[in-house]
C-alpha atoms as a PDB file:
ATOM      1  CA  MET A   1     -17.345   4.776  34.768  1.00  0.00           C
ATOM      2  CA  LEU A   2     -20.884   3.895  35.887  1.00  0.00           C
ATOM      3  CA  MET A   3     -20.579   6.033  39.034  1.00  0.00           C
ATOM      4  CA  PHE A   4     -19.203   8.879  36.903  1.00  0.00           C
ATOM      5  CA  HIS A   5     -22.340   8.901  34.749  1.00  0.00           C
ATOM      6  CA  ILE A   6     -24.570   8.610  37.832  1.00  0.00           C
ATOM      7  CA  ASN A   7     -22.893  11.660  39.379  1.00  0.00           C
ATOM      8  CA  ILE A   8     -23.517  13.586  36.169  1.00  0.00           C
ATOM      9  CA  LEU A   9     -27.220  12.692  36.334  1.00  0.00           C
ATOM     10  CA  ILE A  10     -27.445  13.658  40.017  1.00  0.00           C
ATOM     11  CA  ASN A  11     -25.938  17.068  39.348  1.00  0.00           C
ATOM     12  CA  ASN A  12     -27.937  17.661  36.173  1.00  0.00           C
ATOM     13  CA  ARG A  13     -31.026  19.873  36.151  1.00  0.00           C
ATOM     14  CA  THR A  14     -32.949  16.984  34.573  1.00  0.00           C
ATOM     15  CA  MET A  15     -32.296  14.821  37.653  1.00  0.00           C
ATOM     16  CA  PRO A  16     -36.034  14.477  38.553  1.00  0.00           C
ATOM     17  CA  LEU A  17     -36.562  12.594  35.282  1.00  0.00           C
ATOM     18  CA  PHE A  18     -33.797  10.121  36.035  1.00  0.00           C
ATOM     19  CA  ARG A  19     -34.147   9.841  39.815  1.00  0.00           C
ATOM     20  CA  PRO A  20     -36.077   6.515  39.807  1.00  0.00           C
ATOM     21  CA  LEU A  21     -33.458   4.947  37.545  1.00  0.00           C
ATOM     22  CA  VAL A  22     -30.554   6.372  39.551  1.00  0.00           C
ATOM     23  CA  SER A  23     -32.117   5.194  42.815  1.00  0.00           C
ATOM     24  CA  TYR A  24     -32.641   1.715  41.399  1.00  0.00           C
ATOM     25  CA  VAL A  25     -29.047   1.441  40.157  1.00  0.00           C
ATOM     26  CA  LEU A  26     -27.541   2.741  43.385  1.00  0.00           C
ATOM     27  CA  ARG A  27     -29.656   0.363  45.464  1.00  0.00           C
ATOM     28  CA  LYS A  28     -28.593  -2.582  43.305  1.00  0.00           C
ATOM     29  CA  ILE A  29     -24.937  -1.613  43.666  1.00  0.00           C
ATOM     30  CA  ARG A  30     -25.364  -1.401  47.431  1.00  0.00           C
ATOM     31  CA  VAL A  31     -26.948  -4.865  47.557  1.00  0.00           C
ATOM     32  CA  LEU A  32     -24.227  -6.408  45.378  1.00  0.00           C
ATOM     33  CA  ARG A  33     -21.469  -4.786  47.461  1.00  0.00           C
ATOM     34  CA  LYS A  34     -23.208  -5.260  50.811  1.00  0.00           C
ATOM     35  CA  LYS A  35     -20.513  -7.433  52.389  1.00  0.00           C
ATOM     36  CA  ALA A  36     -17.736  -4.925  51.705  1.00  0.00           C
ATOM     37  CA  ILE A  37     -19.897  -1.922  52.582  1.00  0.00           C
ATOM     38  CA  VAL A  38     -21.061  -3.397  55.890  1.00  0.00           C
ATOM     39  CA  LYS A  39     -17.476  -4.349  56.801  1.00  0.00           C
ATOM     40  CA  LYS A  40     -16.321  -0.774  56.246  1.00  0.00           C
ATOM     41  CA  GLU A  41     -19.262   0.740  58.101  1.00  0.00           C
ATOM     42  CA  ARG A  42     -18.893  -1.638  61.064  1.00  0.00           C
ATOM     43  CA  GLU A  43     -15.226  -0.621  61.295  1.00  0.00           C
ATOM     44  CA  LEU A  44     -16.341   3.003  61.475  1.00  0.00           C
ATOM     45  CA  LEU A  45     -18.772   2.178  64.284  1.00  0.00           C
ATOM     46  CA  GLY A  46     -16.196   0.117  66.140  1.00  0.00           C
ATOM     47  CA  ALA A  47     -17.352  -1.006  69.559  1.00  0.00           C
ATOM     48  CA  LYS A  48     -19.636   1.975  70.048  1.00  0.00           C
ATOM     49  CA  GLU A  49     -22.967   1.145  71.635  1.00  0.00           C
ATOM     50  CA  PHE A  50     -25.994   3.032  70.329  1.00  0.00           C
ATOM     51  CA  VAL A  51     -29.724   3.094  70.964  1.00  0.00           C
ATOM     52  CA  ILE A  52     -32.119   3.795  68.097  1.00  0.00           C
ATOM     53  CA  ILE A  53     -35.557   5.061  69.086  1.00  0.00           C
ATOM     54  CA  SER A  54     -37.778   4.921  66.018  1.00  0.00           C
ATOM     55  CA  ASP A  55     -41.492   5.351  65.415  1.00  0.00           C
ATOM     56  CA  ASN A  56     -41.566   2.425  62.977  1.00  0.00           C
ATOM     57  CA  CYS A  57     -39.454  -0.489  61.711  1.00  0.00           C
ATOM     58  CA  TRP A  58     -36.640   1.723  60.397  1.00  0.00           C
ATOM     59  CA  GLY A  59     -34.585   1.285  63.560  1.00  0.00           C
ATOM     60  CA  GLY A  60     -34.840  -2.491  63.517  1.00  0.00           C
ATOM     61  CA  ALA A  61     -33.678  -2.536  59.889  1.00  0.00           C
ATOM     62  CA  ALA A  62     -30.631  -0.473  60.898  1.00  0.00           C
ATOM     63  CA  TYR A  63     -29.627  -2.972  63.594  1.00  0.00           C
ATOM     64  CA  GLN A  64     -30.076  -5.800  61.090  1.00  0.00           C
ATOM     65  CA  TRP A  65     -27.901  -4.058  58.510  1.00  0.00           C
ATOM     66  CA  TYR A  66     -25.000  -3.789  60.946  1.00  0.00           C
ATOM     67  CA  ASP A  67     -25.716  -7.231  62.415  1.00  0.00           C
ATOM     68  CA  LYS A  68     -25.886  -5.632  65.865  1.00  0.00           C
ATOM     69  CA  PRO A  69     -28.031  -6.769  68.815  1.00  0.00           C
ATOM     70  CA  TYR A  70     -31.193  -4.759  69.362  1.00  0.00           C
ATOM     71  CA  ASN A  71     -30.228  -2.228  72.048  1.00  0.00           C
ATOM     72  CA  SER A  72     -33.738  -0.851  71.836  1.00  0.00           C
ATOM     73  CA  PRO A  73     -37.236  -2.232  72.394  1.00  0.00           C
ATOM     74  CA  PHE A  74     -38.524  -0.012  69.556  1.00  0.00           C
ATOM     75  CA  VAL A  75     -38.206  -2.726  66.927  1.00  0.00           C
ATOM     76  CA  GLY A  76     -40.933  -4.234  64.741  1.00  0.00           C
ATOM     77  CA  LEU A  77     -43.578  -1.779  65.862  1.00  0.00           C
ATOM     78  CA  GLY A  78     -45.333   1.467  64.997  1.00  0.00           C
ATOM     79  CA  ILE A  79     -46.276   4.524  67.035  1.00  0.00           C
ATOM     80  CA  TYR A  80     -48.599   7.275  65.866  1.00  0.00           C
ATOM     81  CA  GLY A  81     -47.157  10.780  65.700  1.00  0.00           C
ATOM     82  CA  GLU A  82     -49.217  12.126  68.591  1.00  0.00           C
ATOM     83  CA  CYS A  83     -48.161   9.276  70.886  1.00  0.00           C
ATOM     84  CA  TYR A  84     -44.543   9.397  69.755  1.00  0.00           C
ATOM     85  CA  ILE A  85     -44.182  13.058  70.716  1.00  0.00           C
ATOM     86  CA  LYS A  86     -45.753  12.395  74.130  1.00  0.00           C
ATOM     87  CA  LEU A  87     -43.432   9.453  74.643  1.00  0.00           C
ATOM     88  CA  LEU A  88     -40.279  11.390  73.801  1.00  0.00           C
ATOM     89  CA  SER A  89     -41.376  14.448  75.773  1.00  0.00           C
ATOM     90  CA  ASN A  90     -41.321  12.381  78.974  1.00  0.00           C
ATOM     91  CA  PHE A  91     -39.240   9.428  77.872  1.00  0.00           C
ATOM     92  CA  ASP A  92     -37.743   8.354  81.204  1.00  0.00           C
ATOM     93  CA  HIS A  93     -41.200   8.260  82.773  1.00  0.00           C
ATOM     94  CA  TYR A  94     -42.927   6.251  80.058  1.00  0.00           C
ATOM     95  CA  ILE A  95     -40.144   3.759  79.405  1.00  0.00           C
ATOM     96  CA  ASN A  96     -40.218   2.596  83.013  1.00  0.00           C
ATOM     97  CA  LEU A  97     -43.929   1.769  82.920  1.00  0.00           C
ATOM     98  CA  PRO A  98     -45.196  -1.785  82.334  1.00  0.00           C
ATOM     99  CA  LEU A  99     -46.944  -2.585  79.081  1.00  0.00           C
ATOM    100  CA  GLU A 100     -50.706  -2.937  79.369  1.00  0.00           C
ATOM    101  CA  PHE A 101     -52.250  -4.880  76.488  1.00  0.00           C
ATOM    102  CA  LYS A 102     -55.559  -3.890  74.919  1.00  0.00           C
ATOM    103  CA  PRO A 103     -57.618  -5.091  71.933  1.00  0.00           C
ATOM    104  CA  GLN A 104     -56.841  -3.312  68.672  1.00  0.00           C
ATOM    105  CA  GLN A 105     -60.457  -2.179  68.535  1.00  0.00           C
ATOM    106  CA  GLN A 106     -59.788   0.100  71.514  1.00  0.00           C
ATOM    107  CA  SER A 107     -57.172   2.090  69.631  1.00  0.00           C
ATOM    108  CA  LYS A 108     -57.873   5.810  69.569  1.00  0.00           C
ATOM    109  CA  HIS A 109     -56.455   5.959  66.067  1.00  0.00           C
ATOM    110  CA  ALA A 110     -57.793   4.735  62.733  1.00  0.00           C
ATOM    111  CA  TYR A 111     -55.058   2.326  61.787  1.00  0.00           C
ATOM    112  CA  ARG A 112     -55.272   1.600  58.082  1.00  0.00           C
ATOM    113  CA  PHE A 113     -52.064  -0.154  57.066  1.00  0.00           C
ATOM    114  CA  LYS A 114     -52.573  -3.554  58.659  1.00  0.00           C
ATOM    115  CA  GLU A 115     -55.963  -5.134  59.298  1.00  0.00           C
ATOM    116  CA  GLU A 116     -55.009  -8.564  60.640  1.00  0.00           C
ATOM    117  CA  TYR A 117     -54.369  -9.227  64.307  1.00  0.00           C
ATOM    118  CA  TYR A 118     -51.277  -7.976  66.094  1.00  0.00           C
ATOM    119  CA  PRO A 119     -50.746  -7.154  69.786  1.00  0.00           C
ATOM    120  CA  MET A 120     -51.367  -3.582  70.890  1.00  0.00           C
ATOM    121  CA  ALA A 121     -50.212  -2.206  74.234  1.00  0.00           C
ATOM    122  CA  VAL A 122     -50.190   1.112  76.056  1.00  0.00           C
ATOM    123  CA  LEU A 123     -47.811   2.892  78.392  1.00  0.00           C
ATOM    124  CA  GLU A 124     -50.488   4.953  80.143  1.00  0.00           C
ATOM    125  CA  ASP A 125     -51.805   7.012  77.198  1.00  0.00           C
ATOM    126  CA  ILE A 126     -49.120   5.966  74.693  1.00  0.00           C
ATOM    127  CA  GLU A 127     -50.245   3.339  72.177  1.00  0.00           C
ATOM    128  CA  ILE A 128     -47.681   0.945  70.756  1.00  0.00           C
ATOM    129  CA  HIS A 129     -48.688  -1.212  67.789  1.00  0.00           C
ATOM    130  CA  PHE A 130     -46.575  -4.370  67.649  1.00  0.00           C
ATOM    131  CA  VAL A 131     -47.296  -5.049  63.998  1.00  0.00           C
ATOM    132  CA  HIS A 132     -44.543  -7.647  63.493  1.00  0.00           C
ATOM    133  CA  TYR A 133     -45.301  -9.768  66.562  1.00  0.00           C
ATOM    134  CA  GLN A 134     -47.532 -12.815  66.789  1.00  0.00           C
ATOM    135  CA  SER A 135     -48.468 -12.876  70.454  1.00  0.00           C
ATOM    136  CA  ILE A 136     -48.454 -10.962  73.718  1.00  0.00           C
ATOM    137  CA  GLU A 137     -45.941 -13.473  75.088  1.00  0.00           C
ATOM    138  CA  GLU A 138     -43.512 -12.700  72.264  1.00  0.00           C
ATOM    139  CA  VAL A 139     -43.896  -8.959  72.814  1.00  0.00           C
ATOM    140  CA  LEU A 140     -43.271  -9.215  76.570  1.00  0.00           C
ATOM    141  CA  SER A 141     -40.207 -11.399  76.158  1.00  0.00           C
ATOM    142  CA  LYS A 142     -38.525  -9.264  73.503  1.00  0.00           C
ATOM    143  CA  TRP A 143     -39.601  -5.898  74.928  1.00  0.00           C
ATOM    144  CA  THR A 144     -38.199  -6.752  78.361  1.00  0.00           C
ATOM    145  CA  LYS A 145     -34.896  -8.116  77.054  1.00  0.00           C
ATOM    146  CA  ARG A 146     -34.305  -5.212  74.678  1.00  0.00           C
ATOM    147  CA  LYS A 147     -35.378  -2.567  77.173  1.00  0.00           C
ATOM    148  CA  ASP A 148     -32.913  -3.975  79.702  1.00  0.00           C
ATOM    149  CA  ARG A 149     -30.131  -3.642  77.111  1.00  0.00           C
ATOM    150  CA  MET A 150     -31.167  -0.073  76.392  1.00  0.00           C
ATOM    151  CA  LEU A 151     -31.293   1.004  80.033  1.00  0.00           C
ATOM    152  CA  LYS A 152     -27.712  -0.129  80.521  1.00  0.00           C
ATOM    153  CA  ILE A 153     -26.742   2.677  78.146  1.00  0.00           C
ATOM    154  CA  THR A 154     -27.363   5.699  80.357  1.00  0.00           C
ATOM    155  CA  ASN A 155     -25.712   8.402  78.249  1.00  0.00           C
ATOM    156  CA  LYS A 156     -28.494   9.986  76.175  1.00  0.00           C
ATOM    157  CA  ASP A 157     -25.877  11.224  73.690  1.00  0.00           C
ATOM    158  CA  GLN A 158     -25.725   7.589  72.573  1.00  0.00           C
ATOM    159  CA  TYR A 159     -29.451   7.642  71.793  1.00  0.00           C
ATOM    160  CA  PHE A 160     -30.553   8.349  68.215  1.00  0.00           C
ATOM    161  CA  PHE A 161     -34.131   9.436  67.592  1.00  0.00           C
ATOM    162  CA  LYS A 162     -35.871   9.082  64.243  1.00  0.00           C
ATOM    163  CA  MET A 163     -39.317  10.214  63.083  1.00  0.00           C
ATOM    164  CA  CYS A 164     -41.262  10.241  59.816  1.00  0.00           C
ATOM    165  CA  ASP A 165     -44.866  10.621  58.672  1.00  0.00           C
ATOM    166  CA  ASP A 166     -45.477   6.907  57.996  1.00  0.00           C
ATOM    167  CA  TRP A 167     -47.613   6.708  61.163  1.00  0.00           C
ATOM    168  CA  LYS A 168     -49.690   9.818  60.506  1.00  0.00           C
ATOM    169  CA  ALA A 169     -47.322  12.330  62.096  1.00  0.00           C
ATOM    170  CA  ASN A 170     -48.281  15.827  60.947  1.00  0.00           C
ATOM    171  CA  SER A 171     -46.078  18.861  60.367  1.00  0.00           C
ATOM    172  CA  LYS A 172     -46.688  20.279  63.830  1.00  0.00           C
ATOM    173  CA  GLN A 173     -45.665  17.038  65.504  1.00  0.00           C
ATOM    174  CA  ILE A 174     -42.502  16.783  63.418  1.00  0.00           C
ATOM    175  CA  GLN A 175     -41.612  20.355  64.352  1.00  0.00           C
ATOM    176  CA  GLN A 176     -42.183  19.447  68.007  1.00  0.00           C
ATOM    177  CA  PHE A 177     -39.855  16.497  67.520  1.00  0.00           C
ATOM    178  CA  HIS A 178     -37.046  18.807  66.466  1.00  0.00           C
ATOM    179  CA  GLN A 179     -37.587  20.992  69.521  1.00  0.00           C
ATOM    180  CA  LEU A 180     -36.911  18.106  71.890  1.00  0.00           C
ATOM    181  CA  PRO A 181     -33.643  18.405  73.854  1.00  0.00           C
ATOM    182  CA  PHE A 182     -31.948  15.353  72.384  1.00  0.00           C
ATOM    183  CA  LYS A 183     -28.564  15.602  70.700  1.00  0.00           C
ATOM    184  CA  ASN A 184     -29.271  13.168  67.867  1.00  0.00           C
ATOM    185  CA  LYS A 185     -32.483  13.585  65.875  1.00  0.00           C
ATOM    186  CA  ILE A 186     -33.424  12.928  62.264  1.00  0.00           C
ATOM    187  CA  SER A 187     -36.768  13.176  60.497  1.00  0.00           C
ATOM    188  CA  PHE A 188     -37.880  12.079  57.048  1.00  0.00           C
ATOM    189  CA  VAL A 189     -40.690  13.953  55.319  1.00  0.00           C
ATOM    190  CA  PRO A 190     -42.023  14.108  51.750  1.00  0.00           C
ATOM    191  CA  ASN A 191     -40.008  16.602  49.708  1.00  0.00           C
ATOM    192  CA  THR A 192     -43.172  18.673  49.262  1.00  0.00           C
ATOM    193  CA  GLN A 193     -43.658  19.057  53.026  1.00  0.00           C
ATOM    194  CA  VAL A 194     -40.303  20.252  54.353  1.00  0.00           C
ATOM    195  CA  ASN A 195     -41.040  22.576  57.284  1.00  0.00           C
ATOM    196  CA  ILE A 196     -37.703  23.263  58.973  1.00  0.00           C
ATOM    197  CA  GLN A 197     -34.440  24.413  57.471  1.00  0.00           C
ATOM    198  CA  SER A 198     -32.110  21.959  59.117  1.00  0.00           C
ATOM    199  CA  ALA A 199     -29.801  19.117  58.173  1.00  0.00           C
ATOM    200  CA  GLU A 200     -31.814  17.079  60.683  1.00  0.00           C
ATOM    201  CA  GLN A 201     -34.796  16.979  58.312  1.00  0.00           C
ATOM    202  CA  ILE A 202     -34.483  14.875  55.161  1.00  0.00           C
ATOM    203  CA  ALA A 203     -36.694  15.620  52.163  1.00  0.00           C
ATOM    204  CA  VAL A 204     -37.636  12.257  50.625  1.00  0.00           C
ATOM    205  CA  TYR A 205     -38.709  11.947  46.994  1.00  0.00           C
ATOM    206  CA  GLN A 206     -40.017   8.375  47.170  1.00  0.00           C
ATOM    207  CA  ARG A 207     -43.517   7.630  48.487  1.00  0.00           C
ATOM    208  CA  HIS A 208     -45.242   4.923  50.500  1.00  0.00           C
ATOM    209  CA  ALA A 209     -46.224   1.959  48.315  1.00  0.00           C
ATOM    210  CA  ARG A 210     -49.837   1.976  49.532  1.00  0.00           C
ATOM    211  CA  ASN A 211     -50.973   5.454  50.482  1.00  0.00           C
ATOM    212  CA  LYS A 212     -48.774   7.242  47.894  1.00  0.00           C
ATOM    213  CA  VAL A 213     -48.607  10.287  50.195  1.00  0.00           C
ATOM    214  CA  SER A 214     -46.199   9.684  53.076  1.00  0.00           C
ATOM    215  CA  VAL A 215     -42.594   8.521  52.915  1.00  0.00           C
ATOM    216  CA  PRO A 216     -42.055   4.752  52.521  1.00  0.00           C
ATOM    217  CA  ASN A 217     -42.676   2.438  55.473  1.00  0.00           C
ATOM    218  CA  GLY A 218     -39.881   1.535  57.884  1.00  0.00           C
ATOM    219  CA  LEU A 219     -38.080  -1.111  55.857  1.00  0.00           C
ATOM    220  CA  GLY A 220     -38.636   0.691  52.573  1.00  0.00           C
ATOM    221  CA  LEU A 221     -37.342   3.923  54.057  1.00  0.00           C
ATOM    222  CA  PHE A 222     -34.254   2.259  55.462  1.00  0.00           C
ATOM    223  CA  LYS A 223     -33.401   0.797  52.056  1.00  0.00           C
ATOM    224  CA  ILE A 224     -33.153   4.296  50.578  1.00  0.00           C
ATOM    225  CA  THR A 225     -31.696   6.093  53.598  1.00  0.00           C
ATOM    226  CA  PHE A 226     -28.141   5.797  52.211  1.00  0.00           C
ATOM    227  CA  LEU A 227     -29.231   7.909  49.241  1.00  0.00           C
ATOM    228  CA  TYR A 228     -29.845  10.842  51.571  1.00  0.00           C
ATOM    229  CA  PHE A 229     -27.333  10.698  54.418  1.00  0.00           C
ATOM    230  CA  ASP A 230     -24.539   8.593  55.871  1.00  0.00           C
ATOM    231  CA  LEU A 231     -26.114   6.624  58.707  1.00  0.00           C
ATOM    232  CA  SER A 232     -22.792   5.237  59.928  1.00  0.00           C
ATOM    233  CA  GLN A 233     -21.347   8.737  60.330  1.00  0.00           C
ATOM    234  CA  TRP A 234     -24.418   9.729  62.328  1.00  0.00           C
ATOM    235  CA  LEU A 235     -24.288   6.731  64.643  1.00  0.00           C
ATOM    236  CA  SER A 236     -20.524   6.854  65.138  1.00  0.00           C
ATOM    237  CA  ARG A 237     -19.875  10.608  65.273  1.00  0.00           C
ATOM    238  CA  SER A 238     -23.295  12.244  65.674  1.00  0.00           C
ATOM    239  CA  LYS A 239     -22.584  13.930  62.356  1.00  0.00           C
ATOM    240  CA  ILE A 240     -25.130  14.291  59.551  1.00  0.00           C
ATOM    241  CA  VAL A 241     -23.342  13.911  56.230  1.00  0.00           C
ATOM    242  CA  ARG A 242     -25.581  14.232  53.178  1.00  0.00           C
ATOM    243  CA  THR A 243     -24.942  11.882  50.261  1.00  0.00           C
ATOM    244  CA  PHE A 244     -26.563  11.677  46.819  1.00  0.00           C
ATOM    245  CA  TYR A 245     -29.856  13.559  47.205  1.00  0.00           C
ATOM    246  CA  LYS A 246     -29.297  16.760  49.138  1.00  0.00           C
ATOM    247  CA  GLY A 247     -32.676  18.383  48.739  1.00  0.00           C
END
């Protein structure tokens, strides 16, 4: 009965008024039913190996949800839009370079979300901000181990690329992202800034807790991803299936 009333609200023209309440209720239901939901979604994934390349913590949250090992070094970090596009445009070149660590003060970007210390490294001209790491030693250990796992998966059709504007990616960079020759791509942008007509771009109604302009940060965005599309269908079948909020 509850889901019946929620579906009525979602399909009603007054949905914008009720969206925060609907989102809250659906998220609570997902948390309460997490064990059963994860079991079903893991069965859908089966033994399939996948690599998530993400510009922020969204990818790490996905691996945690499925209780899967990190098959990607792009976990617990952030990459600015400009650097992310460069990285993906020549991915095989950059990923095989060693990390070179530099002081945060040498960043070419004005990083505003986190002021305390965290390790920052570069792959030539690509900055990687390891915001959830305590030391260079921790970064090197986990980066190396996770990169080795990733490189064992050589089929790029098993790679899933995600981008959003949390790390200052602009509209041009997100359009460039969708022009890259990868099979599996998804971007999240504020619903007021949709710039391509494609199922691969998700218009997000919620906003970042601090800047109030971009989409939520990595973990926050992952928590609401199920409201917009079926992640398990994407990872298992490379199919984008929209869910509650369809734009």
